[in-house]
């Protein structure tokens, strides 16, 4: 499931670079870093949660 979400978010970031989406906070092409930061945060959170619940 996380791989699908990551792929979707990376595709949205790629689309943002090609043609800005116009969403709030994503008006310019250079705002794609915000999406990439979100992907990195999601990845980090999923890794932390999986590590916490691995021993359970």
N, C-alpha and C. Protein backbone atom coordinates (compact mmCIF):
# COMPACT_ATOMS: atom_id res chain seq x y z
N UNK A 1 0.82 -1.20 0.00
CA UNK A 1 0.00 0.00 0.00
C UNK A 1 0.86 1.26 0.00
N UNK A 2 1.92 1.25 0.79
CA UNK A 2 2.75 2.46 0.86
C UNK A 2 3.45 2.72 -0.46
N UNK A 3 3.80 1.65 -1.19
CA UNK A 3 4.47 1.84 -2.48
C UNK A 3 3.53 2.52 -3.48
N UNK A 4 2.26 2.18 -3.42
CA UNK A 4 1.29 2.80 -4.32
C UNK A 4 1.14 4.29 -3.99
N UNK A 5 1.07 4.61 -2.71
CA UNK A 5 0.94 6.02 -2.30
C UNK A 5 2.18 6.80 -2.70
N UNK A 6 3.36 6.21 -2.48
CA UNK A 6 4.60 6.89 -2.86
C UNK A 6 4.66 7.13 -4.36
N UNK A 7 4.29 6.14 -5.14
CA UNK A 7 4.29 6.29 -6.59
C UNK A 7 3.33 7.39 -7.01
N UNK A 8 2.15 7.41 -6.41
CA UNK A 8 1.16 8.44 -6.73
C UNK A 8 1.68 9.83 -6.39
N UNK A 9 2.29 9.98 -5.23
CA UNK A 9 2.81 11.29 -4.84
C UNK A 9 3.98 11.73 -5.72
N UNK A 10 4.84 10.80 -6.12
CA UNK A 10 5.93 11.15 -7.04
C UNK A 10 5.39 11.56 -8.41
N UNK A 11 4.34 10.88 -8.86
CA UNK A 11 3.73 11.26 -10.14
C UNK A 11 3.12 12.66 -10.06
N UNK A 12 2.47 12.97 -8.94
CA UNK A 12 1.90 14.31 -8.77
C UNK A 12 3.02 15.35 -8.76
N UNK A 13 4.16 15.05 -8.12
CA UNK A 13 5.29 15.98 -8.10
C UNK A 13 5.84 16.17 -9.51
N UNK A 14 5.89 15.10 -10.30
CA UNK A 14 6.38 15.22 -11.68
C UNK A 14 5.43 16.06 -12.52
N UNK A 15 4.15 15.87 -12.32
CA UNK A 15 3.16 16.68 -13.04
C UNK A 15 3.29 18.15 -12.64
N UNK A 16 3.56 18.41 -11.37
CA UNK A 16 3.72 19.78 -10.88
C UNK A 16 4.89 20.46 -11.59
N UNK A 17 5.97 19.72 -11.85
CA UNK A 17 7.13 20.30 -12.54
C UNK A 17 6.78 20.62 -13.99
N UNK A 18 6.00 19.73 -14.63
CA UNK A 18 5.65 19.93 -16.04
C UNK A 18 4.61 21.04 -16.19
N UNK A 19 3.54 20.94 -15.44
CA UNK A 19 2.46 21.93 -15.50
C UNK A 19 1.91 22.12 -14.09
N UNK A 20 2.06 23.31 -13.51
CA UNK A 20 1.59 23.53 -12.14
C UNK A 20 0.12 23.16 -11.97
N UNK A 21 -0.18 22.53 -10.83
CA UNK A 21 -1.52 22.04 -10.56
C UNK A 21 -2.50 23.16 -10.21
N UNK A 22 -2.00 24.23 -9.62
CA UNK A 22 -2.87 25.34 -9.26
C UNK A 22 -3.57 25.14 -7.92
N UNK A 23 -3.20 24.09 -7.18
CA UNK A 23 -3.77 23.87 -5.86
C UNK A 23 -3.21 24.91 -4.90
N UNK A 24 -3.88 25.17 -3.79
CA UNK A 24 -3.35 26.14 -2.81
C UNK A 24 -1.94 25.74 -2.35
N UNK A 25 -1.00 26.64 -2.51
CA UNK A 25 0.38 26.37 -2.14
C UNK A 25 1.19 25.74 -3.26
N UNK A 26 0.55 25.41 -4.38
CA UNK A 26 1.26 24.77 -5.50
C UNK A 26 0.96 25.53 -6.79
N UNK A 27 1.20 26.82 -6.79
CA UNK A 27 0.88 27.66 -7.94
C UNK A 27 2.02 27.73 -8.96
N UNK A 28 3.28 27.49 -8.51
CA UNK A 28 4.43 27.61 -9.40
C UNK A 28 5.11 26.25 -9.58
N UNK A 29 5.88 26.11 -10.64
CA UNK A 29 6.62 24.87 -10.87
C UNK A 29 7.63 24.61 -9.77
N UNK A 30 8.20 25.66 -9.24
CA UNK A 30 9.22 25.50 -8.20
C UNK A 30 8.64 25.02 -6.88
N UNK A 31 7.33 24.91 -6.76
CA UNK A 31 6.70 24.42 -5.53
C UNK A 31 6.67 22.90 -5.46
N UNK A 32 7.24 22.22 -6.43
CA UNK A 32 7.26 20.75 -6.42
C UNK A 32 8.05 20.21 -5.23
N UNK A 33 8.96 20.99 -4.68
CA UNK A 33 9.72 20.54 -3.52
C UNK A 33 8.81 20.26 -2.35
N UNK A 34 7.68 20.96 -2.25
CA UNK A 34 6.75 20.72 -1.16
C UNK A 34 6.16 19.31 -1.26
N UNK A 35 5.87 18.88 -2.47
CA UNK A 35 5.35 17.53 -2.67
C UNK A 35 6.42 16.49 -2.36
N UNK A 36 7.64 16.75 -2.78
CA UNK A 36 8.73 15.82 -2.50
C UNK A 36 8.99 15.75 -0.99
N UNK A 37 8.90 16.87 -0.30
CA UNK A 37 9.06 16.86 1.15
C UNK A 37 7.94 16.04 1.80
N UNK A 38 6.74 16.13 1.26
CA UNK A 38 5.64 15.32 1.77
C UNK A 38 5.88 13.83 1.56
N UNK A 39 6.42 13.48 0.40
CA UNK A 39 6.75 12.08 0.13
C UNK A 39 7.81 11.59 1.12
N UNK A 40 8.82 12.41 1.35
CA UNK A 40 9.88 12.02 2.29
C UNK A 40 9.31 11.87 3.70
N UNK A 41 8.44 12.78 4.10
CA UNK A 41 7.82 12.68 5.42
C UNK A 41 6.96 11.44 5.56
N UNK A 42 6.19 11.13 4.52
CA UNK A 42 5.35 9.94 4.53
C UNK A 42 6.20 8.68 4.61
N UNK A 43 7.29 8.65 3.86
CA UNK A 43 8.19 7.50 3.88
C UNK A 43 8.81 7.32 5.27
N UNK A 44 9.27 8.41 5.85
CA UNK A 44 9.88 8.35 7.18
C UNK A 44 8.86 7.87 8.22
N UNK A 45 7.65 8.41 8.16
CA UNK A 45 6.62 8.01 9.12
C UNK A 45 6.25 6.54 8.96
N UNK A 46 6.15 6.07 7.74
CA UNK A 46 5.80 4.66 7.53
C UNK A 46 6.93 3.74 8.00
N UNK A 47 8.19 4.16 7.81
CA UNK A 47 9.31 3.36 8.29
C UNK A 47 9.33 3.30 9.81
N UNK A 48 9.10 4.43 10.46
CA UNK A 48 9.09 4.47 11.92
C UNK A 48 7.95 3.61 12.47
N UNK A 49 6.77 3.73 11.89
CA UNK A 49 5.63 2.94 12.37
C UNK A 49 5.84 1.46 12.14
N UNK A 50 6.40 1.08 11.01
CA UNK A 50 6.65 -0.34 10.76
C UNK A 50 7.72 -0.88 11.71
N UNK A 51 8.72 -0.08 12.04
CA UNK A 51 9.76 -0.51 12.98
C UNK A 51 9.19 -0.64 14.39
N UNK A 52 8.28 0.25 14.77
CA UNK A 52 7.69 0.18 16.11
C UNK A 52 6.82 -1.06 16.28
N UNK A 53 6.08 -1.42 15.24
CA UNK A 53 5.16 -2.53 15.36
C UNK A 53 5.73 -3.85 14.85
N UNK A 54 7.00 -3.87 14.50
CA UNK A 54 7.61 -5.10 14.01
C UNK A 54 7.72 -6.15 15.12
N UNK A 55 8.01 -5.72 16.32
CA UNK A 55 8.18 -6.65 17.42
C UNK A 55 6.88 -7.10 18.05
N UNK A 56 5.76 -6.50 17.69
CA UNK A 56 4.48 -6.82 18.33
C UNK A 56 3.87 -8.05 17.69
